[in-house]
Protein backbone atom coordinates (compact mmCIF):
# COMPACT_ATOMS: atom_id res chain seq x y z
CA GLY A 1 15.46 55.82 49.35
CA LEU A 2 18.15 53.53 48.04
CA MET A 3 15.87 50.53 48.41
CA PHE A 4 13.20 52.28 46.36
CA LEU A 5 15.72 53.17 43.62
CA ALA A 6 17.00 49.58 43.55
CA LEU A 7 13.45 48.27 43.26
CA VAL A 8 12.60 50.70 40.45
CA GLY A 9 15.87 49.88 38.69
CA GLY A 10 15.12 46.17 38.95
CA LEU A 11 11.66 46.67 37.55
CA TRP A 12 13.11 48.78 34.73
CA VAL A 13 15.58 46.02 33.79
CA ALA A 14 12.87 43.35 33.99
CA ALA A 15 10.54 45.40 31.79
CA GLY A 16 13.29 45.82 29.20
CA ARG A 17 14.04 42.09 29.25
CA THR A 18 10.33 41.28 28.85
CA ALA A 19 10.04 43.65 25.90
CA ARG A 20 13.07 42.03 24.21
CA GLU A 21 11.65 38.56 24.83
CA ARG A 22 8.31 39.60 23.34
CA GLU A 23 10.10 40.98 20.27
CA GLN A 24 12.11 37.75 19.89
CA LEU A 25 8.94 35.69 20.22
CA ALA A 26 7.18 37.83 17.60
CA GLN A 27 10.14 37.41 15.23
CA ALA A 28 10.16 33.64 15.81
CA ARG A 29 6.43 33.46 15.05
CA LEU A 30 6.91 35.42 11.81
CA ALA A 31 9.77 33.13 10.77
CA GLU A 32 7.63 30.06 11.53
CA ALA A 33 4.74 31.49 9.51
CA ASP A 34 7.12 32.09 6.59
CA ARG A 35 8.43 28.50 6.80
CA LYS A 36 4.87 27.16 6.93
CA ALA A 37 3.82 29.23 3.89
CA GLU A 38 6.87 28.02 1.96
CA ALA A 39 6.13 24.38 2.87
CA GLN A 40 2.51 24.79 1.74
CA HIS A 41 3.71 26.31 -1.54
CA HIS A 42 6.04 23.35 -2.17
CA GLU A 43 3.29 20.88 -1.26
CA HIS A 44 0.96 22.62 -3.72
CA LEU A 45 3.60 22.42 -6.49
CA LEU A 46 4.18 18.74 -5.80
CA GLN A 47 0.44 18.05 -5.96
CA GLN A 48 0.29 19.87 -9.32
CA VAL A 49 3.07 17.62 -10.64
CA PHE A 50 1.21 14.55 -9.37
CA ASP A 51 -2.03 15.68 -10.97
CA HIS A 52 -0.50 16.42 -14.38
CA VAL A 53 1.47 13.21 -14.84
CA GLY A 54 -0.22 10.83 -17.27
CA GLU A 55 0.48 7.80 -15.09
CA GLY A 56 -1.00 6.97 -11.74
CA ILE A 57 1.16 7.87 -8.77
CA CYS A 58 0.62 7.14 -5.11
CA LEU A 59 2.69 7.38 -1.97
CA PHE A 60 2.16 5.30 1.16
CA ASP A 61 3.91 5.98 4.45
CA ALA A 62 5.78 3.45 6.60
CA ASP A 63 2.46 2.42 8.19
CA LEU A 64 1.10 1.66 4.69
CA ARG A 65 -1.40 4.53 4.79
CA LEU A 66 -1.98 6.65 1.72
CA ARG A 67 -0.17 9.99 1.87
CA ALA A 68 -0.58 11.27 -1.69
CA VAL A 69 -2.25 10.14 -4.91
CA ASN A 70 -3.17 11.63 -8.24
CA GLY A 71 -6.56 11.41 -9.91
CA ARG A 72 -5.38 9.00 -12.59
CA MET A 73 -4.50 6.24 -10.12
CA ALA A 74 -8.02 5.07 -9.26
CA ASP A 75 -8.96 4.64 -12.91
CA LEU A 76 -5.77 2.87 -13.90
CA VAL A 77 -5.88 0.20 -11.21
CA GLY A 78 -9.65 -0.12 -10.86
CA LEU A 79 -10.20 1.51 -7.46
CA ASP A 80 -13.24 3.17 -6.01
CA PRO A 81 -12.23 6.87 -5.89
CA ALA A 82 -13.48 6.96 -2.28
CA LEU A 83 -10.36 4.93 -1.40
CA THR A 84 -8.04 7.71 -2.59
CA VAL A 85 -8.46 9.79 0.56
CA PRO A 86 -5.17 10.36 2.43
CA GLY A 87 -4.96 8.03 5.40
CA THR A 88 -6.61 5.09 3.61
CA PRO A 89 -4.76 1.85 4.43
CA LEU A 90 -3.14 -0.04 1.56
CA ARG A 91 -5.01 -3.09 2.89
CA ASP A 92 -8.29 -1.45 1.80
CA TRP A 93 -6.95 -0.98 -1.74
CA LEU A 94 -5.75 -4.56 -2.00
CA THR A 95 -8.99 -5.93 -0.55
CA GLN A 96 -11.14 -4.07 -3.06
CA LEU A 97 -8.95 -5.10 -5.99
CA ALA A 98 -8.99 -8.75 -4.89
CA ARG A 99 -12.79 -8.73 -4.41
CA ASN A 100 -13.20 -7.21 -7.88
CA GLY A 101 -11.22 -10.09 -9.40
CA GLU A 102 -8.21 -7.97 -10.35
CA TYR A 103 -5.85 -10.71 -9.11
CA GLY A 104 -7.85 -13.57 -10.60
CA ALA A 105 -9.81 -16.20 -8.70
CA VAL A 106 -8.06 -15.97 -5.33
CA ASN A 107 -8.82 -16.25 -1.65
CA VAL A 108 -9.21 -12.53 -0.88
CA GLU A 109 -7.73 -12.56 2.63
CA ALA A 110 -4.81 -14.79 1.65
CA GLU A 111 -4.04 -12.66 -1.41
CA VAL A 112 -4.18 -9.43 0.59
CA ALA A 113 -1.89 -10.93 3.26
CA ARG A 114 0.55 -12.14 0.57
CA ARG A 115 0.67 -8.74 -1.12
CA LEU A 116 1.09 -6.87 2.18
CA ALA A 117 4.00 -9.15 3.08
CA GLU A 118 5.54 -8.43 -0.32
CA VAL A 119 5.21 -4.68 0.16
CA ALA A 120 6.79 -4.94 3.63
CA ARG A 121 10.10 -5.85 1.97
CA PRO A 122 11.83 -2.55 1.10
CA VAL A 123 12.95 -3.47 -2.42
CA ARG A 124 12.30 -1.99 -5.83
CA SER A 125 9.89 -4.00 -7.90
CA LEU A 126 8.32 -4.05 -11.32
CA ALA A 127 5.22 -6.06 -12.15
CA GLN A 128 2.70 -6.28 -14.96
CA ARG A 129 -0.83 -7.60 -14.75
CA ARG A 130 -3.82 -7.80 -17.01
CA ARG A 131 -6.85 -6.03 -15.60
CA THR A 132 -10.32 -7.51 -15.80
CA ASP A 133 -11.14 -4.91 -18.50
CA GLY A 134 -8.35 -6.30 -20.72
CA ARG A 135 -5.84 -3.50 -20.16
CA THR A 136 -2.34 -4.40 -19.02
CA ILE A 137 -0.82 -2.17 -16.37
CA GLU A 138 2.72 -1.98 -15.11
CA THR A 139 3.35 -1.27 -11.45
CA ARG A 140 6.66 0.08 -10.23
CA ARG A 141 7.50 0.32 -6.57
CA THR A 142 10.38 2.36 -5.24
CA PRO A 143 10.75 2.42 -1.46
CA LEU A 144 11.85 5.72 0.05
CA PRO A 145 14.32 6.00 2.93
CA ASP A 146 11.66 6.87 5.48
């Protein structure tokens, strides 16, 4: 009899613990969903800021892959809009611009390599260049900590 009561008591305690763990897991999932919704909201706001700025803005990650860009960027620098998809390597941008004559009469591969080496240095920079269509654009680069 006592063995049966001990077994039932143990099962009762285990069932209570399992119910508490399920409740904690459900609360953790709700909190995670709230954090995800808030992050998506902030990402949406940031994209709206990007899209409504008159200048072109782009952000590349540490691997030099496009993370964010606004619609104005492709037009300003002379890029094929197909290259403004997140994940596009900066190398692809530089190659297209060099092939289109945006850097003058240069060896495309050498110019791309030179510009990639320049970007690899984490320093602020400011440059101006005249586009093939006669417009002058100013490029500012500000490296981020990560």
